[in-house]
């Protein structure tokens, strides 16, 4: 099974969010993107088994989104 996981920086909260349309219920957060990716790799199989009735190998593709506002040029 192939799953895409979005990693989004929430500047207001100061954390990374991880979520996936392919893994129902998967919404995790962490201050560190590395820690978040490890948590997702650890917890994704349980979400897949519980919410998709799938128990097998899975390929995770991480897509990072980090929006930065630039000030106007003077």
C-alpha atoms as a PDB file:
ATOM      1  CA  UNK A   1       0.000   0.000   0.000  1.00  0.00           C
ATOM      2  CA  UNK A   2       1.324   3.453  -0.929  1.00  0.00           C
ATOM      3  CA  UNK A   3       0.479   6.380   1.357  1.00  0.00           C
ATOM      4  CA  UNK A   4       1.296  10.063   1.125  1.00  0.00           C
ATOM      5  CA  UNK A   5       1.851  11.960   4.359  1.00  0.00           C
ATOM      6  CA  UNK A   6       1.873  15.756   4.437  1.00  0.00           C
ATOM      7  CA  UNK A   7       4.193  17.455   6.933  1.00  0.00           C
ATOM      8  CA  UNK A   8       3.076  21.042   7.491  1.00  0.00           C
ATOM      9  CA  UNK A   9       4.785  23.670   9.643  1.00  0.00           C
ATOM     10  CA  UNK A  10       2.312  25.519  11.882  1.00  0.00           C
ATOM     11  CA  UNK A  11       4.224  28.718  12.663  1.00  0.00           C
ATOM     12  CA  UNK A  12       1.558  29.961  15.052  1.00  0.00           C
ATOM     13  CA  UNK A  13       1.740  26.838  17.220  1.00  0.00           C
ATOM     14  CA  UNK A  14       5.453  26.249  16.569  1.00  0.00           C
ATOM     15  CA  UNK A  15       4.987  22.590  15.631  1.00  0.00           C
ATOM     16  CA  UNK A  16       5.051  20.292  12.633  1.00  0.00           C
ATOM     17  CA  UNK A  17       1.768  18.555  11.781  1.00  0.00           C
ATOM     18  CA  UNK A  18       1.618  15.204  10.026  1.00  0.00           C
ATOM     19  CA  UNK A  19      -1.566  14.053   8.295  1.00  0.00           C
ATOM     20  CA  UNK A  20      -2.631  11.804   5.460  1.00  0.00           C
ATOM     21  CA  UNK A  21      -5.746  11.324   3.345  1.00  0.00           C
ATOM     22  CA  UNK A  22      -4.554   7.743   2.792  1.00  0.00           C
ATOM     23  CA  UNK A  23      -4.364   6.919   6.509  1.00  0.00           C
ATOM     24  CA  UNK A  24      -7.659   7.910   8.154  1.00  0.00           C
ATOM     25  CA  UNK A  25      -7.276   9.374  11.624  1.00  0.00           C
ATOM     26  CA  UNK A  26      -3.549  10.039  11.330  1.00  0.00           C
ATOM     27  CA  UNK A  27      -2.955  13.523  12.727  1.00  0.00           C
ATOM     28  CA  UNK A  28       0.209  13.907  14.789  1.00  0.00           C
ATOM     29  CA  UNK A  29       2.379  16.843  15.814  1.00  0.00           C
ATOM     30  CA  UNK A  30       5.901  17.457  17.086  1.00  0.00           C
ATOM     31  CA  UNK A  31       8.403  20.286  17.539  1.00  0.00           C
ATOM     32  CA  UNK A  32      10.873  18.310  15.404  1.00  0.00           C
ATOM     33  CA  UNK A  33      10.250  17.108  11.850  1.00  0.00           C
ATOM     34  CA  UNK A  34      12.603  14.158  12.431  1.00  0.00           C
ATOM     35  CA  UNK A  35      10.733  13.072  15.561  1.00  0.00           C
ATOM     36  CA  UNK A  36       7.405  13.501  13.752  1.00  0.00           C
ATOM     37  CA  UNK A  37       8.509  11.292  10.863  1.00  0.00           C
ATOM     38  CA  UNK A  38       9.647   8.593  13.290  1.00  0.00           C
ATOM     39  CA  UNK A  39       6.319   8.780  15.176  1.00  0.00           C
ATOM     40  CA  UNK A  40       4.399   8.457  11.918  1.00  0.00           C
ATOM     41  CA  UNK A  41       6.474   5.449  10.824  1.00  0.00           C
ATOM     42  CA  UNK A  42       5.803   3.849  14.213  1.00  0.00           C
ATOM     43  CA  UNK A  43       2.068   4.645  14.445  1.00  0.00           C
ATOM     44  CA  UNK A  44       0.919   4.427  10.796  1.00  0.00           C
ATOM     45  CA  UNK A  45       0.584   0.608  10.787  1.00  0.00           C
ATOM     46  CA  UNK A  46      -1.845   0.763  13.734  1.00  0.00           C
ATOM     47  CA  UNK A  47      -3.951   3.440  12.015  1.00  0.00           C
ATOM     48  CA  UNK A  48      -3.987   1.387   8.798  1.00  0.00           C
ATOM     49  CA  UNK A  49      -5.049  -1.753  10.648  1.00  0.00           C
ATOM     50  CA  UNK A  50      -7.687  -0.033  12.786  1.00  0.00           C
ATOM     51  CA  UNK A  51      -9.174   2.373  10.237  1.00  0.00           C
ATOM     52  CA  UNK A  52      -8.555   0.592   6.906  1.00  0.00           C
ATOM     53  CA  UNK A  53      -8.566  -3.042   8.015  1.00  0.00           C
ATOM     54  CA  UNK A  54      -5.135  -3.364   6.353  1.00  0.00           C
ATOM     55  CA  UNK A  55      -2.250  -5.268   7.879  1.00  0.00           C
ATOM     56  CA  UNK A  56       0.691  -5.462   5.526  1.00  0.00           C
ATOM     57  CA  UNK A  57       3.618  -3.567   4.084  1.00  0.00           C
ATOM     58  CA  UNK A  58       3.160   0.129   3.361  1.00  0.00           C
ATOM     59  CA  UNK A  59       5.242   2.732   1.562  1.00  0.00           C
ATOM     60  CA  UNK A  60       5.153   6.224   3.060  1.00  0.00           C
ATOM     61  CA  UNK A  61       5.966   9.270   0.934  1.00  0.00           C
ATOM     62  CA  UNK A  62       6.548  12.397   3.016  1.00  0.00           C
ATOM     63  CA  UNK A  63       5.774  15.791   1.464  1.00  0.00           C
ATOM     64  CA  UNK A  64       6.939  18.804   3.458  1.00  0.00           C
ATOM     65  CA  UNK A  65       5.226  22.196   3.382  1.00  0.00           C
ATOM     66  CA  UNK A  66       6.863  25.119   5.135  1.00  0.00           C
ATOM     67  CA  UNK A  67       5.423  28.509   4.200  1.00  0.00           C
ATOM     68  CA  UNK A  68       7.558  31.557   4.946  1.00  0.00           C
ATOM     69  CA  UNK A  69       6.298  35.114   4.599  1.00  0.00           C
ATOM     70  CA  UNK A  70       8.810  37.529   3.102  1.00  0.00           C
ATOM     71  CA  UNK A  71       8.697  41.226   3.840  1.00  0.00           C
ATOM     72  CA  UNK A  72       8.118  43.602   0.941  1.00  0.00           C
ATOM     73  CA  UNK A  73      11.224  44.947  -0.769  1.00  0.00           C
ATOM     74  CA  UNK A  74      11.951  48.577   0.069  1.00  0.00           C
END
